[in-house]
Amino acid sequence: MSDTFSLKGKKGLVVGIANDQSIAYGCAKAMREQGAELAVTYLNEKAEKWVRPLAEDLGAELFLPLDVAVEGQLESVFAQIEKTWGRLDFALHSIAFAPKDDLHGRVVDCSSAGFTTAMDISCHSFIRLAKLAEPLMDQGGSLMTVSYYGGRKVVEHYNMMGPVKAALEMTVKYMASELGQKGIRVNAISPGPLKTRAASGIDHFDELLESAAARAPQHQLVGIEDCGSVAAFLAGEGSKTITGTTLFVDAGYHIVG
């Protein structure tokens, strides 16, 4: 294994695993296969029974509850990381949420409370994560989040999550600029549509899958393992000069969509 792509000795946080179909799980698997030591979070007690076996399979050294909407939980996660490792080399943020009624309606009809909630959980939580990670990355590091093409172009039925993902991608650029002098790079991964639990909340999602496969230059959908390969690359030294960008993992759909 080339040292350029090895993650041996690196310690990373993965936020957003819900089940074995999660993008975050595909990323965590790839990172672990490259030798990384992982801290894995789960949303709540209900989710724990699904995530714990995956964390055990990953050999996660830390397995911690994290609902970013609960005050103090994100800070608690980083306190445990600091106590156990004393540093952090990379972190993957793969969480998004919008209230169902707001998500299924027009953008012009979404409520102020719904939009605020979606922005807080899907975007601002990444800012909070970066702020807590910064002092643990005194030797540099990699921060990653997950976006979607609907943040750049209008995708039917994606609705209010479009503006939210647009904000997330611009947040990536500004944080990359602010943290670059410390050797901390910030990037987004933008997969094509995937059958994840989060995506199931999008109206007419099966139609979106069919359209993406038909229109993409490679005429196929992508899998969580494809996202994992890119995330593992971004976590390692091979990507040390890549920051502030969105990497598409979508069989080329973004060039024709």
C-alpha atoms as a PDB file:
ATOM      1  CA  MET A   1       0.000   0.000   0.000  1.00  0.00           C
ATOM      2  CA  SER A   2       1.396   3.372  -1.012  1.00  0.00           C
ATOM      3  CA  ASP A   3       1.948   5.775   1.905  1.00  0.00           C
ATOM      4  CA  THR A   4       0.275   8.462  -0.201  1.00  0.00           C
ATOM      5  CA  PHE A   5      -3.057   6.680   0.036  1.00  0.00           C
ATOM      6  CA  SER A   6      -2.623   4.918   3.363  1.00  0.00           C
ATOM      7  CA  LEU A   7      -4.539   6.164   6.406  1.00  0.00           C
ATOM      8  CA  LYS A   8      -2.549   4.041   8.831  1.00  0.00           C
ATOM      9  CA  GLY A   9      -2.080   5.909  12.090  1.00  0.00           C
ATOM     10  CA  LYS A  10      -4.670   8.543  11.219  1.00  0.00           C
ATOM     11  CA  LYS A  11      -7.622   9.118  13.512  1.00  0.00           C
ATOM     12  CA  GLY A  12     -10.961  10.253  12.198  1.00  0.00           C
ATOM     13  CA  LEU A  13     -14.531  11.035  13.181  1.00  0.00           C
ATOM     14  CA  VAL A  14     -17.473   9.796  11.107  1.00  0.00           C
ATOM     15  CA  VAL A  15     -20.849  11.434  11.724  1.00  0.00           C
ATOM     16  CA  GLY A  16     -23.998  10.255   9.998  1.00  0.00           C
ATOM     17  CA  ILE A  17     -24.126   6.447   9.917  1.00  0.00           C
ATOM     18  CA  ALA A  18     -27.758   5.324  10.195  1.00  0.00           C
ATOM     19  CA  ASN A  19     -27.517   1.836   8.681  1.00  0.00           C
ATOM     20  CA  ASP A  20     -25.450  -0.219   6.252  1.00  0.00           C
ATOM     21  CA  GLN A  21     -26.822   1.764   3.293  1.00  0.00           C
ATOM     22  CA  SER A  22     -25.617   5.119   4.616  1.00  0.00           C
ATOM     23  CA  ILE A  23     -23.101   7.129   2.621  1.00  0.00           C
ATOM     24  CA  ALA A  24     -21.239   7.660   5.900  1.00  0.00           C
ATOM     25  CA  TYR A  25     -20.912   3.895   6.356  1.00  0.00           C
ATOM     26  CA  GLY A  26     -19.475   3.452   2.862  1.00  0.00           C
ATOM     27  CA  CYS A  27     -16.952   6.165   3.679  1.00  0.00           C
ATOM     28  CA  ALA A  28     -16.091   4.697   7.076  1.00  0.00           C
ATOM     29  CA  LYS A  29     -15.499   1.250   5.554  1.00  0.00           C
ATOM     30  CA  ALA A  30     -13.112   2.630   2.953  1.00  0.00           C
ATOM     31  CA  MET A  31     -11.245   4.672   5.556  1.00  0.00           C
ATOM     32  CA  ARG A  32     -10.923   1.683   7.854  1.00  0.00           C
ATOM     33  CA  GLU A  33      -9.677  -0.502   4.989  1.00  0.00           C
ATOM     34  CA  GLN A  34      -6.914   2.053   4.463  1.00  0.00           C
ATOM     35  CA  GLY A  35      -5.878   1.725   8.114  1.00  0.00           C
ATOM     36  CA  ALA A  36      -7.645   4.613   9.841  1.00  0.00           C
ATOM     37  CA  GLU A  37      -8.778   4.461  13.464  1.00  0.00           C
ATOM     38  CA  LEU A  38     -12.348   5.685  13.780  1.00  0.00           C
ATOM     39  CA  ALA A  39     -14.745   7.379  16.141  1.00  0.00           C
ATOM     40  CA  VAL A  40     -18.354   6.707  15.101  1.00  0.00           C
ATOM     41  CA  THR A  41     -21.521   8.435  16.285  1.00  0.00           C
ATOM     42  CA  TYR A  42     -25.159   7.366  16.376  1.00  0.00           C
ATOM     43  CA  LEU A  43     -28.206   9.626  16.468  1.00  0.00           C
ATOM     44  CA  ASN A  44     -30.145   8.270  19.454  1.00  0.00           C
ATOM     45  CA  GLU A  45     -31.153   5.164  21.374  1.00  0.00           C
ATOM     46  CA  LYS A  46     -33.429   3.990  18.555  1.00  0.00           C
ATOM     47  CA  ALA A  47     -30.599   4.229  16.027  1.00  0.00           C
ATOM     48  CA  GLU A  48     -28.011   2.632  18.291  1.00  0.00           C
ATOM     49  CA  LYS A  49     -29.162  -0.946  17.645  1.00  0.00           C
ATOM     50  CA  TRP A  50     -28.551  -0.468  13.905  1.00  0.00           C
ATOM     51  CA  VAL A  51     -25.282   1.416  14.149  1.00  0.00           C
ATOM     52  CA  ARG A  52     -23.537  -0.455  16.973  1.00  0.00           C
ATOM     53  CA  PRO A  53     -22.911  -3.669  14.941  1.00  0.00           C
ATOM     54  CA  LEU A  54     -21.474  -1.548  12.116  1.00  0.00           C
ATOM     55  CA  ALA A  55     -19.216   0.338  14.512  1.00  0.00           C
ATOM     56  CA  GLU A  56     -18.016  -2.960  15.957  1.00  0.00           C
ATOM     57  CA  ASP A  57     -17.334  -4.276  12.471  1.00  0.00           C
ATOM     58  CA  LEU A  58     -15.300  -1.124  11.808  1.00  0.00           C
ATOM     59  CA  GLY A  59     -13.365  -1.625  15.028  1.00  0.00           C
ATOM     60  CA  ALA A  60     -14.356   1.878  16.107  1.00  0.00           C
ATOM     61  CA  GLU A  61     -12.418   2.917  19.198  1.00  0.00           C
ATOM     62  CA  LEU A  62     -15.090   5.430  20.145  1.00  0.00           C
ATOM     63  CA  PHE A  63     -18.855   4.946  19.741  1.00  0.00           C
ATOM     64  CA  LEU A  64     -20.753   8.003  20.896  1.00  0.00           C
ATOM     65  CA  PRO A  65     -24.280   9.461  20.798  1.00  0.00           C
ATOM     66  CA  LEU A  66     -24.692  12.583  18.705  1.00  0.00           C
ATOM     67  CA  ASP A  67     -27.791  14.543  17.865  1.00  0.00           C
ATOM     68  CA  VAL A  68     -26.530  17.955  16.775  1.00  0.00           C
ATOM     69  CA  ALA A  69     -29.886  19.447  17.772  1.00  0.00           C
ATOM     70  CA  VAL A  70     -29.231  18.509  21.398  1.00  0.00           C
ATOM     71  CA  GLU A  71     -27.206  21.147  23.187  1.00  0.00           C
ATOM     72  CA  GLY A  72     -23.795  19.949  24.330  1.00  0.00           C
ATOM     73  CA  GLN A  73     -23.686  16.596  22.530  1.00  0.00           C
ATOM     74  CA  LEU A  74     -21.290  17.703  19.789  1.00  0.00           C
ATOM     75  CA  GLU A  75     -19.017  19.263  22.394  1.00  0.00           C
ATOM     76  CA  SER A  76     -19.142  16.014  24.388  1.00  0.00           C
ATOM     77  CA  VAL A  77     -18.038  14.007  21.334  1.00  0.00           C
ATOM     78  CA  PHE A  78     -14.998  16.227  20.851  1.00  0.00           C
ATOM     79  CA  ALA A  79     -14.173  16.132  24.546  1.00  0.00           C
ATOM     80  CA  GLN A  80     -14.025  12.343  24.325  1.00  0.00           C
ATOM     81  CA  ILE A  81     -11.851  12.504  21.202  1.00  0.00           C
ATOM     82  CA  GLU A  82      -9.452  14.901  22.904  1.00  0.00           C
ATOM     83  CA  LYS A  83      -9.314  12.723  26.025  1.00  0.00           C
ATOM     84  CA  THR A  84      -8.757   9.486  24.074  1.00  0.00           C
ATOM     85  CA  TRP A  85      -6.604  10.601  21.148  1.00  0.00           C
ATOM     86  CA  GLY A  86      -5.501  14.155  21.850  1.00  0.00           C
ATOM     87  CA  ARG A  87      -5.802  14.953  18.168  1.00  0.00           C
ATOM     88  CA  LEU A  88      -7.921  14.443  15.059  1.00  0.00           C
ATOM     89  CA  ASP A  89      -6.758  13.950  11.478  1.00  0.00           C
ATOM     90  CA  PHE A  90     -10.051  13.985   9.602  1.00  0.00           C
ATOM     91  CA  ALA A  91     -13.798  14.261  10.104  1.00  0.00           C
ATOM     92  CA  LEU A  92     -16.713  13.369   7.850  1.00  0.00           C
ATOM     93  CA  HIS A  93     -20.026  15.210   8.292  1.00  0.00           C
ATOM     94  CA  SER A  94     -22.835  13.334   6.542  1.00  0.00           C
ATOM     95  CA  ILE A  95     -26.064  14.521   8.101  1.00  0.00           C
ATOM     96  CA  ALA A  96     -29.046  16.404   6.715  1.00  0.00           C
ATOM     97  CA  PHE A  97     -32.627  16.938   7.812  1.00  0.00           C
ATOM     98  CA  ALA A  98     -35.701  18.916   6.837  1.00  0.00           C
ATOM     99  CA  PRO A  99     -39.204  18.648   8.310  1.00  0.00           C
ATOM    100  CA  LYS A 100     -41.327  16.501   5.993  1.00  0.00           C
ATOM    101  CA  ASP A 101     -44.077  19.051   5.398  1.00  0.00           C
ATOM    102  CA  ASP A 102     -41.545  21.707   4.406  1.00  0.00           C
ATOM    103  CA  LEU A 103     -39.484  19.317   2.283  1.00  0.00           C
ATOM    104  CA  HIS A 104     -42.476  18.135   0.257  1.00  0.00           C
ATOM    105  CA  GLY A 105     -43.771  21.619  -0.456  1.00  0.00           C
ATOM    106  CA  ARG A 106     -42.590  24.471  -2.637  1.00  0.00           C
ATOM    107  CA  VAL A 107     -39.634  26.532  -1.485  1.00  0.00           C
ATOM    108  CA  VAL A 108     -41.850  29.623  -1.384  1.00  0.00           C
ATOM    109  CA  ASP A 109     -44.217  27.819   0.989  1.00  0.00           C
ATOM    110  CA  CYS A 110     -41.662  26.448   3.490  1.00  0.00           C
ATOM    111  CA  SER A 111     -41.988  27.722   7.031  1.00  0.00           C
ATOM    112  CA  SER A 112     -39.415  29.865   8.757  1.00  0.00           C
ATOM    113  CA  ALA A 113     -39.057  27.252  11.495  1.00  0.00           C
ATOM    114  CA  GLY A 114     -38.613  24.427   8.974  1.00  0.00           C
ATOM    115  CA  PHE A 115     -36.020  26.304   6.960  1.00  0.00           C
ATOM    116  CA  THR A 116     -34.130  27.272  10.113  1.00  0.00           C
ATOM    117  CA  THR A 117     -34.103  23.664  11.309  1.00  0.00           C
ATOM    118  CA  ALA A 118     -32.869  22.365   7.954  1.00  0.00           C
ATOM    119  CA  MET A 119     -30.092  24.957   7.824  1.00  0.00           C
ATOM    120  CA  ASP A 120     -29.027  24.334  11.404  1.00  0.00           C
ATOM    121  CA  ILE A 121     -28.800  20.545  11.171  1.00  0.00           C
ATOM    122  CA  SER A 122     -27.650  20.235   7.561  1.00  0.00           C
ATOM    123  CA  CYS A 123     -25.244  23.178   7.326  1.00  0.00           C
ATOM    124  CA  HIS A 124     -24.475  25.046  10.536  1.00  0.00           C
ATOM    125  CA  SER A 125     -23.632  21.802  12.352  1.00  0.00           C
ATOM    126  CA  PHE A 126     -20.698  21.437   9.950  1.00  0.00           C
ATOM    127  CA  ILE A 127     -19.456  24.871  10.996  1.00  0.00           C
ATOM    128  CA  ARG A 128     -19.745  23.890  14.654  1.00  0.00           C
ATOM    129  CA  LEU A 129     -17.911  20.630  13.967  1.00  0.00           C
ATOM    130  CA  ALA A 130     -15.092  22.494  12.208  1.00  0.00           C
ATOM    131  CA  LYS A 131     -14.685  24.928  15.096  1.00  0.00           C
ATOM    132  CA  LEU A 132     -14.323  22.047  17.562  1.00  0.00           C
ATOM    133  CA  ALA A 133     -12.004  20.110  15.255  1.00  0.00           C
ATOM    134  CA  GLU A 134      -9.667  23.050  14.606  1.00  0.00           C
ATOM    135  CA  PRO A 135      -7.652  22.886  17.856  1.00  0.00           C
ATOM    136  CA  LEU A 136      -7.274  19.103  17.476  1.00  0.00           C
ATOM    137  CA  MET A 137      -5.855  19.532  13.964  1.00  0.00           C
ATOM    138  CA  ASP A 138      -2.752  21.514  14.917  1.00  0.00           C
ATOM    139  CA  GLN A 139      -0.756  19.433  12.427  1.00  0.00           C
ATOM    140  CA  GLY A 140      -3.343  19.911   9.691  1.00  0.00           C
ATOM    141  CA  GLY A 141      -6.293  17.769   8.741  1.00  0.00           C
ATOM    142  CA  SER A 142      -9.239  17.136   6.457  1.00  0.00           C
ATOM    143  CA  LEU A 143     -12.876  18.133   6.958  1.00  0.00           C
ATOM    144  CA  MET A 144     -15.478  16.634   4.625  1.00  0.00           C
ATOM    145  CA  THR A 145     -19.208  17.014   4.169  1.00  0.00           C
ATOM    146  CA  VAL A 146     -21.794  15.576   1.773  1.00  0.00           C
ATOM    147  CA  SER A 147     -23.705  17.699  -0.721  1.00  0.00           C
ATOM    148  CA  TYR A 148     -25.902  17.067  -3.767  1.00  0.00           C
ATOM    149  CA  TYR A 149     -26.303  18.449  -7.295  1.00  0.00           C
ATOM    150  CA  GLY A 150     -29.648  19.974  -6.265  1.00  0.00           C
ATOM    151  CA  GLY A 151     -27.669  22.669  -4.479  1.00  0.00           C
ATOM    152  CA  ARG A 152     -26.393  23.940  -7.844  1.00  0.00           C
ATOM    153  CA  LYS A 153     -29.235  23.305 -10.259  1.00  0.00           C
ATOM    154  CA  VAL A 154     -32.950  22.885  -9.742  1.00  0.00           C
ATOM    155  CA  VAL A 155     -33.825  19.217  -9.249  1.00  0.00           C
ATOM    156  CA  GLU A 156     -37.541  18.485  -9.228  1.00  0.00           C
ATOM    157  CA  HIS A 157     -38.851  17.484  -5.788  1.00  0.00           C
ATOM    158  CA  TYR A 158     -35.577  18.352  -4.019  1.00  0.00           C
ATOM    159  CA  ASN A 159     -37.253  21.576  -2.974  1.00  0.00           C
ATOM    160  CA  MET A 160     -35.929  23.430   0.106  1.00  0.00           C
ATOM    161  CA  MET A 161     -32.892  21.189   0.437  1.00  0.00           C
ATOM    162  CA  GLY A 162     -31.528  22.860  -2.706  1.00  0.00           C
ATOM    163  CA  PRO A 163     -30.902  26.217  -1.005  1.00  0.00           C
ATOM    164  CA  VAL A 164     -29.613  24.394   2.071  1.00  0.00           C
ATOM    165  CA  LYS A 165     -27.022  22.420   0.086  1.00  0.00           C
ATOM    166  CA  ALA A 166     -26.058  25.580  -1.803  1.00  0.00           C
ATOM    167  CA  ALA A 167     -25.305  27.189   1.545  1.00  0.00           C
ATOM    168  CA  LEU A 168     -23.334  24.131   2.614  1.00  0.00           C
ATOM    169  CA  GLU A 169     -21.125  24.242  -0.501  1.00  0.00           C
ATOM    170  CA  MET A 170     -20.389  27.940  -0.011  1.00  0.00           C
ATOM    171  CA  THR A 171     -19.637  27.251   3.650  1.00  0.00           C
ATOM    172  CA  VAL A 172     -17.022  24.749   2.459  1.00  0.00           C
ATOM    173  CA  LYS A 173     -15.325  27.456   0.404  1.00  0.00           C
ATOM    174  CA  TYR A 174     -15.220  30.026   3.185  1.00  0.00           C
ATOM    175  CA  MET A 175     -13.988  27.568   5.798  1.00  0.00           C
ATOM    176  CA  ALA A 176     -11.326  26.311   3.383  1.00  0.00           C
ATOM    177  CA  SER A 177     -10.117  29.896   3.009  1.00  0.00           C
ATOM    178  CA  GLU A 178     -10.112  30.527   6.753  1.00  0.00           C
ATOM    179  CA  LEU A 179      -8.454  27.257   7.806  1.00  0.00           C
ATOM    180  CA  GLY A 180      -6.047  26.777   4.928  1.00  0.00           C
ATOM    181  CA  GLN A 181      -3.104  28.484   6.619  1.00  0.00           C
ATOM    182  CA  LYS A 182      -3.362  25.886   9.392  1.00  0.00           C
ATOM    183  CA  GLY A 183      -3.123  23.037   6.921  1.00  0.00           C
ATOM    184  CA  ILE A 184      -6.780  22.127   7.369  1.00  0.00           C
ATOM    185  CA  ARG A 185      -8.527  21.458   4.100  1.00  0.00           C
ATOM    186  CA  VAL A 186     -12.305  21.475   3.648  1.00  0.00           C
ATOM    187  CA  ASN A 187     -14.169  19.742   0.841  1.00  0.00           C
ATOM    188  CA  ALA A 188     -17.584  18.416  -0.104  1.00  0.00           C
ATOM    189  CA  ILE A 189     -18.459  15.136  -1.782  1.00  0.00           C
ATOM    190  CA  SER A 190     -21.485  15.298  -4.081  1.00  0.00           C
ATOM    191  CA  PRO A 191     -22.824  11.831  -4.917  1.00  0.00           C
ATOM    192  CA  GLY A 192     -25.463  11.068  -7.477  1.00  0.00           C
ATOM    193  CA  PRO A 193     -28.810   9.930  -6.039  1.00  0.00           C
ATOM    194  CA  LEU A 194     -28.484   6.922  -3.738  1.00  0.00           C
ATOM    195  CA  LYS A 195     -31.052   4.740  -2.000  1.00  0.00           C
ATOM    196  CA  THR A 196     -30.355   5.870   1.539  1.00  0.00           C
ATOM    197  CA  ARG A 197     -32.808   6.326   4.411  1.00  0.00           C
ATOM    198  CA  ALA A 198     -32.418  10.096   4.207  1.00  0.00           C
ATOM    199  CA  ALA A 199     -33.159  10.120   0.476  1.00  0.00           C
ATOM    200  CA  SER A 200     -36.339   8.116   0.984  1.00  0.00           C
ATOM    201  CA  GLY A 201     -37.943  11.267   2.368  1.00  0.00           C
ATOM    202  CA  ILE A 202     -37.706  12.987  -1.028  1.00  0.00           C
ATOM    203  CA  ASP A 203     -40.911  12.848  -3.063  1.00  0.00           C
ATOM    204  CA  HIS A 204     -40.811  10.737  -6.275  1.00  0.00           C
ATOM    205  CA  PHE A 205     -37.280   9.564  -5.452  1.00  0.00           C
ATOM    206  CA  ASP A 206     -37.484   6.431  -7.634  1.00  0.00           C
ATOM    207  CA  GLU A 207     -38.133   8.661 -10.644  1.00  0.00           C
ATOM    208  CA  LEU A 208     -35.074  10.697  -9.752  1.00  0.00           C
ATOM    209  CA  LEU A 209     -32.958   7.529  -9.677  1.00  0.00           C
ATOM    210  CA  GLU A 210     -34.189   6.400 -13.071  1.00  0.00           C
ATOM    211  CA  SER A 211     -33.580   9.804 -14.631  1.00  0.00           C
ATOM    212  CA  ALA A 212     -30.058  10.057 -13.204  1.00  0.00           C
ATOM    213  CA  ALA A 213     -29.047   6.631 -14.504  1.00  0.00           C
ATOM    214  CA  ALA A 214     -30.486   7.366 -17.941  1.00  0.00           C
ATOM    215  CA  ARG A 215     -28.862  10.771 -18.350  1.00  0.00           C
ATOM    216  CA  ALA A 216     -25.449  10.199 -16.746  1.00  0.00           C
ATOM    217  CA  PRO A 217     -22.626   9.690 -19.289  1.00  0.00           C
ATOM    218  CA  GLN A 218     -21.759   6.352 -17.665  1.00  0.00           C
ATOM    219  CA  HIS A 219     -25.461   5.349 -17.611  1.00  0.00           C
ATOM    220  CA  GLN A 220     -25.322   3.994 -14.090  1.00  0.00           C
ATOM    221  CA  LEU A 221     -25.982   4.890 -10.501  1.00  0.00           C
ATOM    222  CA  VAL A 222     -23.227   5.122  -7.908  1.00  0.00           C
ATOM    223  CA  GLY A 223     -22.908   3.233  -4.643  1.00  0.00           C
ATOM    224  CA  ILE A 224     -21.783   4.085  -1.148  1.00  0.00           C
ATOM    225  CA  GLU A 225     -18.488   2.329  -1.857  1.00  0.00           C
ATOM    226  CA  ASP A 226     -17.813   4.853  -4.646  1.00  0.00           C
ATOM    227  CA  CYS A 227     -18.308   7.683  -2.175  1.00  0.00           C
ATOM    228  CA  GLY A 228     -16.051   5.833   0.240  1.00  0.00           C
ATOM    229  CA  SER A 229     -13.157   5.718  -2.189  1.00  0.00           C
ATOM    230  CA  VAL A 230     -13.297   9.492  -2.639  1.00  0.00           C
ATOM    231  CA  ALA A 231     -13.666  10.156   1.094  1.00  0.00           C
ATOM    232  CA  ALA A 232     -10.659   7.952   1.902  1.00  0.00           C
ATOM    233  CA  PHE A 233      -8.642   9.855  -0.704  1.00  0.00           C
ATOM    234  CA  LEU A 234      -9.668  13.216   0.784  1.00  0.00           C
ATOM    235  CA  ALA A 235      -8.729  12.015   4.265  1.00  0.00           C
ATOM    236  CA  GLY A 236      -5.181  11.129   3.209  1.00  0.00           C
ATOM    237  CA  GLU A 237      -1.999  12.855   2.149  1.00  0.00           C
ATOM    238  CA  GLY A 238      -2.720  12.335  -1.538  1.00  0.00           C
ATOM    239  CA  SER A 239      -5.228  15.178  -1.351  1.00  0.00           C
ATOM    240  CA  LYS A 240      -3.090  17.570   0.692  1.00  0.00           C
ATOM    241  CA  THR A 241      -3.411  20.384  -1.875  1.00  0.00           C
ATOM    242  CA  ILE A 242      -7.127  19.920  -2.590  1.00  0.00           C
ATOM    243  CA  THR A 243      -9.405  22.236  -0.625  1.00  0.00           C
ATOM    244  CA  GLY A 244     -12.515  24.356  -1.015  1.00  0.00           C
ATOM    245  CA  THR A 245     -14.038  22.210  -3.715  1.00  0.00           C
ATOM    246  CA  THR A 246     -16.939  19.866  -4.369  1.00  0.00           C
ATOM    247  CA  LEU A 247     -16.005  16.504  -5.830  1.00  0.00           C
ATOM    248  CA  PHE A 248     -18.783  14.889  -7.853  1.00  0.00           C
ATOM    249  CA  VAL A 249     -19.280  11.127  -7.554  1.00  0.00           C
ATOM    250  CA  ASP A 250     -22.202  10.768  -9.929  1.00  0.00           C
ATOM    251  CA  ALA A 251     -21.142   8.895 -13.091  1.00  0.00           C
ATOM    252  CA  GLY A 252     -20.859  12.305 -14.787  1.00  0.00           C
ATOM    253  CA  TYR A 253     -24.470  13.382 -14.241  1.00  0.00           C
ATOM    254  CA  HIS A 254     -23.460  16.912 -13.200  1.00  0.00           C
ATOM    255  CA  ILE A 255     -22.119  17.722 -16.675  1.00  0.00           C
ATOM    256  CA  VAL A 256     -25.439  16.981 -18.374  1.00  0.00           C
ATOM    257  CA  GLY A 257     -28.011  17.387 -15.597  1.00  0.00           C
END
